[in-house]
PDB file of all heavy atoms in Angstrom:
ATOM      1  N   ASN A   1     -32.730  41.266   6.777  1.00  0.00           N
ATOM      2  CA  ASN A   1     -33.989  40.767   7.317  1.00  0.00           C
ATOM      3  C   ASN A   1     -35.064  40.733   6.271  1.00  0.00           C
ATOM      4  O   ASN A   1     -35.023  41.445   5.272  1.00  0.00           O
ATOM      5  CB  ASN A   1     -34.484  41.620   8.504  1.00  0.00           C
ATOM      6  CG  ASN A   1     -33.542  41.443   9.735  1.00  0.00           C
ATOM      7  OD1 ASN A   1     -33.545  40.527  10.412  1.00  0.00           O
ATOM      8  ND2 ASN A   1     -32.669  42.431   9.846  1.00  0.00           N
ATOM      9  N   THR A   2     -36.042  39.842   6.397  1.00  0.00           N
ATOM     10  CA  THR A   2     -37.144  39.616   5.444  1.00  0.00           C
ATOM     11  C   THR A   2     -37.885  40.949   5.303  1.00  0.00           C
ATOM     12  O   THR A   2     -38.293  41.604   6.204  1.00  0.00           O
ATOM     13  CB  THR A   2     -38.064  38.558   5.947  1.00  0.00           C
ATOM     14  OG1 THR A   2     -37.359  37.334   6.152  1.00  0.00           O
ATOM     15  CG2 THR A   2     -39.262  38.302   4.937  1.00  0.00           C
ATOM     16  N   PRO A   3     -38.155  41.326   3.958  1.00  0.00           N
ATOM     17  CA  PRO A   3     -39.000  42.496   3.743  1.00  0.00           C
ATOM     18  C   PRO A   3     -40.373  42.368   4.461  1.00  0.00           C
ATOM     19  O   PRO A   3     -40.933  41.286   4.459  1.00  0.00           O
ATOM     20  CB  PRO A   3     -39.155  42.532   2.238  1.00  0.00           C
ATOM     21  CG  PRO A   3     -37.958  41.803   1.750  1.00  0.00           C
ATOM     22  CD  PRO A   3     -37.655  40.768   2.719  1.00  0.00           C
ATOM     23  N   TRP A   4     -40.825  43.443   5.045  1.00  0.00           N
ATOM     24  CA  TRP A   4     -42.068  43.360   5.846  1.00  0.00           C
ATOM     25  C   TRP A   4     -43.239  42.929   5.057  1.00  0.00           C
ATOM     26  O   TRP A   4     -44.145  42.313   5.601  1.00  0.00           O
ATOM     27  CB  TRP A   4     -42.298  44.761   6.553  1.00  0.00           C
ATOM     28  CG  TRP A   4     -41.262  45.123   7.532  1.00  0.00           C
ATOM     29  CD1 TRP A   4     -40.131  44.375   7.938  1.00  0.00           C
ATOM     30  CD2 TRP A   4     -41.218  46.322   8.302  1.00  0.00           C
ATOM     31  NE1 TRP A   4     -39.427  45.092   8.926  1.00  0.00           N
ATOM     32  CE2 TRP A   4     -40.019  46.258   9.162  1.00  0.00           C
ATOM     33  CE3 TRP A   4     -42.036  47.446   8.355  1.00  0.00           C
ATOM     34  CZ2 TRP A   4     -39.710  47.278  10.023  1.00  0.00           C
ATOM     35  CZ3 TRP A   4     -41.690  48.479   9.219  1.00  0.00           C
ATOM     36  CH2 TRP A   4     -40.563  48.372  10.071  1.00  0.00           C
ATOM     37  N   SER A   5     -43.261  43.269   3.757  1.00  0.00           N
ATOM     38  CA  SER A   5     -44.425  42.913   2.956  1.00  0.00           C
ATOM     39  C   SER A   5     -44.521  41.423   2.750  1.00  0.00           C
ATOM     40  O   SER A   5     -45.557  40.913   2.333  1.00  0.00           O
ATOM     41  CB  SER A   5     -44.325  43.618   1.583  1.00  0.00           C
ATOM     42  OG  SER A   5     -43.127  43.205   0.917  1.00  0.00           O
ATOM     43  N   ARG A   6     -43.476  40.692   3.037  1.00  0.00           N
ATOM     44  CA  ARG A   6     -43.473  39.158   2.857  1.00  0.00           C
ATOM     45  C   ARG A   6     -43.824  38.457   4.138  1.00  0.00           C
ATOM     46  O   ARG A   6     -43.886  37.195   4.148  1.00  0.00           O
ATOM     47  CB  ARG A   6     -42.140  38.693   2.297  1.00  0.00           C
ATOM     48  CG  ARG A   6     -41.754  39.263   0.916  1.00  0.00           C
ATOM     49  CD  ARG A   6     -40.427  38.701   0.457  1.00  0.00           C
ATOM     50  NE  ARG A   6     -39.902  39.400  -0.717  1.00  0.00           N
ATOM     51  CZ  ARG A   6     -38.793  39.246  -1.288  1.00  0.00           C
ATOM     52  NH1 ARG A   6     -37.937  38.390  -0.695  1.00  0.00           N
ATOM     53  NH2 ARG A   6     -38.366  39.922  -2.345  1.00  0.00           N
ATOM     54  N   LEU A   7     -44.045  39.178   5.179  1.00  0.00           N
ATOM     55  CA  LEU A   7     -44.359  38.585   6.470  1.00  0.00           C
ATOM     56  C   LEU A   7     -45.926  38.434   6.581  1.00  0.00           C
ATOM     57  O   LEU A   7     -46.668  39.272   6.059  1.00  0.00           O
ATOM     58  CB  LEU A   7     -43.782  39.422   7.626  1.00  0.00           C
ATOM     59  CG  LEU A   7     -42.268  39.548   7.628  1.00  0.00           C
ATOM     60  CD1 LEU A   7     -41.867  40.612   8.674  1.00  0.00           C
ATOM     61  CD2 LEU A   7     -41.618  38.227   7.886  1.00  0.00           C
ATOM     62  N   PRO A   8     -46.358  37.437   7.336  1.00  0.00           N
ATOM     63  CA  PRO A   8     -47.820  37.275   7.501  1.00  0.00           C
ATOM     64  C   PRO A   8     -48.478  38.394   8.301  1.00  0.00           C
ATOM     65  O   PRO A   8     -49.644  38.715   8.035  1.00  0.00           O
ATOM     66  CB  PRO A   8     -47.937  35.929   8.265  1.00  0.00           C
ATOM     67  CG  PRO A   8     -46.614  35.728   8.935  1.00  0.00           C
ATOM     68  CD  PRO A   8     -45.609  36.354   8.008  1.00  0.00           C
ATOM     69  N   LYS A   9     -47.766  39.073   9.198  1.00  0.00           N
ATOM     70  CA  LYS A   9     -48.295  40.131   9.952  1.00  0.00           C
ATOM     71  C   LYS A   9     -47.177  41.102  10.398  1.00  0.00           C
ATOM     72  O   LYS A   9     -46.086  40.694  10.765  1.00  0.00           O
ATOM     73  CB  LYS A   9     -48.964  39.561  11.208  1.00  0.00           C
ATOM     74  CG  LYS A   9     -49.487  40.584  12.198  1.00  0.00           C
ATOM     75  CD  LYS A   9     -50.784  41.253  11.691  1.00  0.00           C
ATOM     76  CE  LYS A   9     -51.967  40.382  11.728  1.00  0.00           C
ATOM     77  NZ  LYS A   9     -53.221  41.093  11.346  1.00  0.00           N
ATOM     78  N   VAL A  10     -47.494  42.403  10.206  1.00  0.00           N
ATOM     79  CA  VAL A  10     -46.550  43.427  10.666  1.00  0.00           C
ATOM     80  C   VAL A  10     -47.342  44.409  11.557  1.00  0.00           C
ATOM     81  O   VAL A  10     -48.438  44.843  11.236  1.00  0.00           O
ATOM     82  CB  VAL A  10     -45.927  44.195   9.480  1.00  0.00           C
ATOM     83  CG1 VAL A  10     -45.026  45.299  10.033  1.00  0.00           C
ATOM     84  CG2 VAL A  10     -45.088  43.290   8.631  1.00  0.00           C
ATOM     85  N   LYS A  11     -46.791  44.749  12.731  1.00  0.00           N
ATOM     86  CA  LYS A  11     -47.477  45.631  13.687  1.00  0.00           C
ATOM     87  C   LYS A  11     -46.550  46.821  14.014  1.00  0.00           C
ATOM     88  O   LYS A  11     -45.320  46.640  13.967  1.00  0.00           O
ATOM     89  CB  LYS A  11     -47.842  44.846  14.965  1.00  0.00           C
ATOM     90  CG  LYS A  11     -48.722  43.663  14.727  1.00  0.00           C
ATOM     91  CD  LYS A  11     -48.831  42.857  16.027  1.00  0.00           C
ATOM     92  CE  LYS A  11     -49.616  41.599  15.780  1.00  0.00           C
ATOM     93  NZ  LYS A  11     -49.646  40.730  17.002  1.00  0.00           N
ATOM     94  N   PHE A  12     -47.168  47.961  14.320  1.00  0.00           N
ATOM     95  CA  PHE A  12     -46.381  49.108  14.687  1.00  0.00           C
ATOM     96  C   PHE A  12     -47.030  49.695  15.934  1.00  0.00           C
ATOM     97  O   PHE A  12     -48.248  49.797  16.084  1.00  0.00           O
ATOM     98  CB  PHE A  12     -46.430  50.159  13.507  1.00  0.00           C
ATOM     99  CG  PHE A  12     -45.134  50.769  13.225  1.00  0.00           C
ATOM    100  CD1 PHE A  12     -44.137  50.120  12.460  1.00  0.00           C
ATOM    101  CD2 PHE A  12     -44.841  52.055  13.703  1.00  0.00           C
ATOM    102  CE1 PHE A  12     -42.901  50.706  12.203  1.00  0.00           C
ATOM    103  CE2 PHE A  12     -43.621  52.674  13.449  1.00  0.00           C
ATOM    104  CZ  PHE A  12     -42.641  51.994  12.696  1.00  0.00           C
ATOM    105  N   LEU A  13     -46.175  50.220  16.821  1.00  0.00           N
ATOM    106  CA  LEU A  13     -46.639  50.846  18.090  1.00  0.00           C
ATOM    107  C   LEU A  13     -46.924  52.313  17.820  1.00  0.00           C
ATOM    108  O   LEU A  13     -46.101  52.996  17.269  1.00  0.00           O
ATOM    109  CB  LEU A  13     -45.661  50.657  19.195  1.00  0.00           C
ATOM    110  CG  LEU A  13     -45.280  49.236  19.476  1.00  0.00           C
ATOM    111  CD1 LEU A  13     -44.298  49.214  20.708  1.00  0.00           C
ATOM    112  CD2 LEU A  13     -46.447  48.372  19.792  1.00  0.00           C
ATOM    113  N   CYS A  14     -48.116  52.792  18.219  1.00  0.00           N
ATOM    114  CA  CYS A  14     -48.536  54.165  17.938  1.00  0.00           C
ATOM    115  C   CYS A  14     -48.926  54.847  19.250  1.00  0.00           C
ATOM    116  O   CYS A  14     -50.081  54.718  19.718  1.00  0.00           O
ATOM    117  CB  CYS A  14     -49.729  54.114  16.988  1.00  0.00           C
ATOM    118  SG  CYS A  14     -49.354  53.390  15.367  1.00  0.00           S
ATOM    119  N   PRO A  15     -47.983  55.597  19.856  1.00  0.00           N
ATOM    120  CA  PRO A  15     -48.378  56.363  21.115  1.00  0.00           C
ATOM    121  C   PRO A  15     -49.498  57.289  20.769  1.00  0.00           C
ATOM    122  O   PRO A  15     -49.437  57.987  19.727  1.00  0.00           O
ATOM    123  CB  PRO A  15     -47.039  57.083  21.428  1.00  0.00           C
ATOM    124  CG  PRO A  15     -45.965  56.238  20.821  1.00  0.00           C
ATOM    125  CD  PRO A  15     -46.553  55.691  19.552  1.00  0.00           C
ATOM    126  N   ALA A  16     -50.492  57.302  21.607  1.00  0.00           N
ATOM    127  CA  ALA A  16     -51.636  58.137  21.370  1.00  0.00           C
ATOM    128  C   ALA A  16     -52.152  58.772  22.610  1.00  0.00           C
ATOM    129  O   ALA A  16     -52.126  58.177  23.713  1.00  0.00           O
ATOM    130  CB  ALA A  16     -52.758  57.379  20.718  1.00  0.00           C
ATOM    131  N   PRO A  17     -52.657  60.077  22.576  1.00  0.00           N
ATOM    132  CA  PRO A  17     -52.832  60.858  21.350  1.00  0.00           C
ATOM    133  C   PRO A  17     -51.481  61.109  20.622  1.00  0.00           C
ATOM    134  O   PRO A  17     -50.444  61.283  21.230  1.00  0.00           O
ATOM    135  CB  PRO A  17     -53.396  62.135  21.927  1.00  0.00           C
ATOM    136  CG  PRO A  17     -53.993  61.885  23.208  1.00  0.00           C
ATOM    137  CD  PRO A  17     -53.117  60.790  23.778  1.00  0.00           C
ATOM    138  N   GLY A  18     -51.584  61.061  19.325  1.00  0.00           N
ATOM    139  CA  GLY A  18     -50.367  61.247  18.454  1.00  0.00           C
ATOM    140  C   GLY A  18     -50.680  61.957  17.210  1.00  0.00           C
ATOM    141  O   GLY A  18     -51.782  62.487  16.990  1.00  0.00           O
ATOM    142  N   TYR A  19     -49.724  61.789  16.267  1.00  0.00           N
ATOM    143  CA  TYR A  19     -49.775  62.603  14.999  1.00  0.00           C
ATOM    144  C   TYR A  19     -50.567  61.776  13.960  1.00  0.00           C
ATOM    145  O   TYR A  19     -50.224  60.666  13.552  1.00  0.00           O
ATOM    146  CB  TYR A  19     -48.359  62.841  14.500  1.00  0.00           C
ATOM    147  CG  TYR A  19     -48.275  63.670  13.241  1.00  0.00           C
ATOM    148  CD1 TYR A  19     -49.151  64.616  12.837  1.00  0.00           C
ATOM    149  CD2 TYR A  19     -47.145  63.551  12.450  1.00  0.00           C
ATOM    150  CE1 TYR A  19     -49.041  65.354  11.739  1.00  0.00           C
ATOM    151  CE2 TYR A  19     -46.923  64.246  11.330  1.00  0.00           C
ATOM    152  CZ  TYR A  19     -47.883  65.167  10.935  1.00  0.00           C
ATOM    153  OH  TYR A  19     -47.705  65.864   9.807  1.00  0.00           O
ATOM    154  N   ASP A  20     -51.655  62.358  13.429  1.00  0.00           N
ATOM    155  CA  ASP A  20     -52.520  61.690  12.503  1.00  0.00           C
ATOM    156  C   ASP A  20     -51.841  61.219  11.241  1.00  0.00           C
ATOM    157  O   ASP A  20     -52.125  60.153  10.694  1.00  0.00           O
ATOM    158  CB  ASP A  20     -53.788  62.510  12.168  1.00  0.00           C
ATOM    159  CG  ASP A  20     -53.464  63.904  11.681  1.00  0.00           C
ATOM    160  OD1 ASP A  20     -52.394  64.412  11.943  1.00  0.00           O
ATOM    161  OD2 ASP A  20     -54.299  64.478  10.979  1.00  0.00           O
ATOM    162  N   ARG A  21     -50.844  62.001  10.749  1.00  0.00           N
ATOM    163  CA  ARG A  21     -50.222  61.586   9.476  1.00  0.00           C
ATOM    164  C   ARG A  21     -49.289  60.436   9.689  1.00  0.00           C
ATOM    165  O   ARG A  21     -49.125  59.596   8.777  1.00  0.00           O
ATOM    166  CB  ARG A  21     -49.399  62.814   8.925  1.00  0.00           C
ATOM    167  CG  ARG A  21     -50.339  63.896   8.413  1.00  0.00           C
ATOM    168  CD  ARG A  21     -49.581  64.959   7.611  1.00  0.00           C
ATOM    169  NE  ARG A  21     -50.408  66.042   7.183  1.00  0.00           N
ATOM    170  CZ  ARG A  21     -51.130  66.080   6.080  1.00  0.00           C
ATOM    171  NH1 ARG A  21     -51.129  65.035   5.281  1.00  0.00           N
ATOM    172  NH2 ARG A  21     -51.840  67.152   5.787  1.00  0.00           N
ATOM    173  N   HIS A  22     -48.725  60.211  10.897  1.00  0.00           N
ATOM    174  CA  HIS A  22     -47.984  58.941  11.165  1.00  0.00           C
ATOM    175  C   HIS A  22     -48.900  57.802  10.986  1.00  0.00           C
ATOM    176  O   HIS A  22     -48.602  56.787  10.416  1.00  0.00           O
ATOM    177  CB  HIS A  22     -47.465  59.038  12.584  1.00  0.00           C
ATOM    178  CG  HIS A  22     -46.280  59.900  12.790  1.00  0.00           C
ATOM    179  ND1 HIS A  22     -45.853  60.339  14.052  1.00  0.00           N
ATOM    180  CD2 HIS A  22     -45.501  60.613  11.900  1.00  0.00           C
ATOM    181  CE1 HIS A  22     -44.816  61.111  13.929  1.00  0.00           C
ATOM    182  NE2 HIS A  22     -44.580  61.319  12.644  1.00  0.00           N
ATOM    183  N   PHE A  23     -50.080  57.944  11.592  1.00  0.00           N
ATOM    184  CA  PHE A  23     -51.057  56.813  11.576  1.00  0.00           C
ATOM    185  C   PHE A  23     -51.496  56.529  10.112  1.00  0.00           C
ATOM    186  O   PHE A  23     -51.729  55.385   9.765  1.00  0.00           O
ATOM    187  CB  PHE A  23     -52.195  57.098  12.492  1.00  0.00           C
ATOM    188  CG  PHE A  23     -51.808  57.455  13.905  1.00  0.00           C
ATOM    189  CD1 PHE A  23     -52.575  58.239  14.688  1.00  0.00           C
ATOM    190  CD2 PHE A  23     -50.648  56.938  14.469  1.00  0.00           C
ATOM    191  CE1 PHE A  23     -52.271  58.528  16.013  1.00  0.00           C
ATOM    192  CE2 PHE A  23     -50.248  57.214  15.771  1.00  0.00           C
ATOM    193  CZ  PHE A  23     -51.080  58.007  16.537  1.00  0.00           C
ATOM    194  N   ALA A  24     -51.692  57.644   9.375  1.00  0.00           N
ATOM    195  CA  ALA A  24     -52.145  57.393   7.983  1.00  0.00           C
ATOM    196  C   ALA A  24     -51.094  56.679   7.168  1.00  0.00           C
ATOM    197  O   ALA A  24     -51.424  55.806   6.324  1.00  0.00           O
ATOM    198  CB  ALA A  24     -52.445  58.847   7.355  1.00  0.00           C
ATOM    199  N   VAL A  25     -49.801  57.006   7.361  1.00  0.00           N
ATOM    200  CA  VAL A  25     -48.753  56.284   6.613  1.00  0.00           C
ATOM    201  C   VAL A  25     -48.757  54.811   7.002  1.00  0.00           C
ATOM    202  O   VAL A  25     -48.735  53.939   6.092  1.00  0.00           O
ATOM    203  CB  VAL A  25     -47.343  56.891   6.954  1.00  0.00           C
ATOM    204  CG1 VAL A  25     -46.234  55.997   6.433  1.00  0.00           C
ATOM    205  CG2 VAL A  25     -47.224  58.288   6.389  1.00  0.00           C
ATOM    206  N   THR A  26     -48.886  54.505   8.237  1.00  0.00           N
ATOM    207  CA  THR A  26     -48.907  53.150   8.713  1.00  0.00           C
ATOM    208  C   THR A  26     -50.093  52.345   8.150  1.00  0.00           C
ATOM    209  O   THR A  26     -49.912  51.198   7.639  1.00  0.00           O
ATOM    210  CB  THR A  26     -49.009  53.058  10.251  1.00  0.00           C
ATOM    211  OG1 THR A  26     -48.106  54.062  10.786  1.00  0.00           O
ATOM    212  CG2 THR A  26     -48.546  51.718  10.786  1.00  0.00           C
TER     213      THR A  26
END
């Protein structure tokens, strides 16, 4: 599949309240 950096938009689902370091990586 196409590397995510070459796509016009990439989204990630973040259940919240959640872990701040997960969100920082994203």
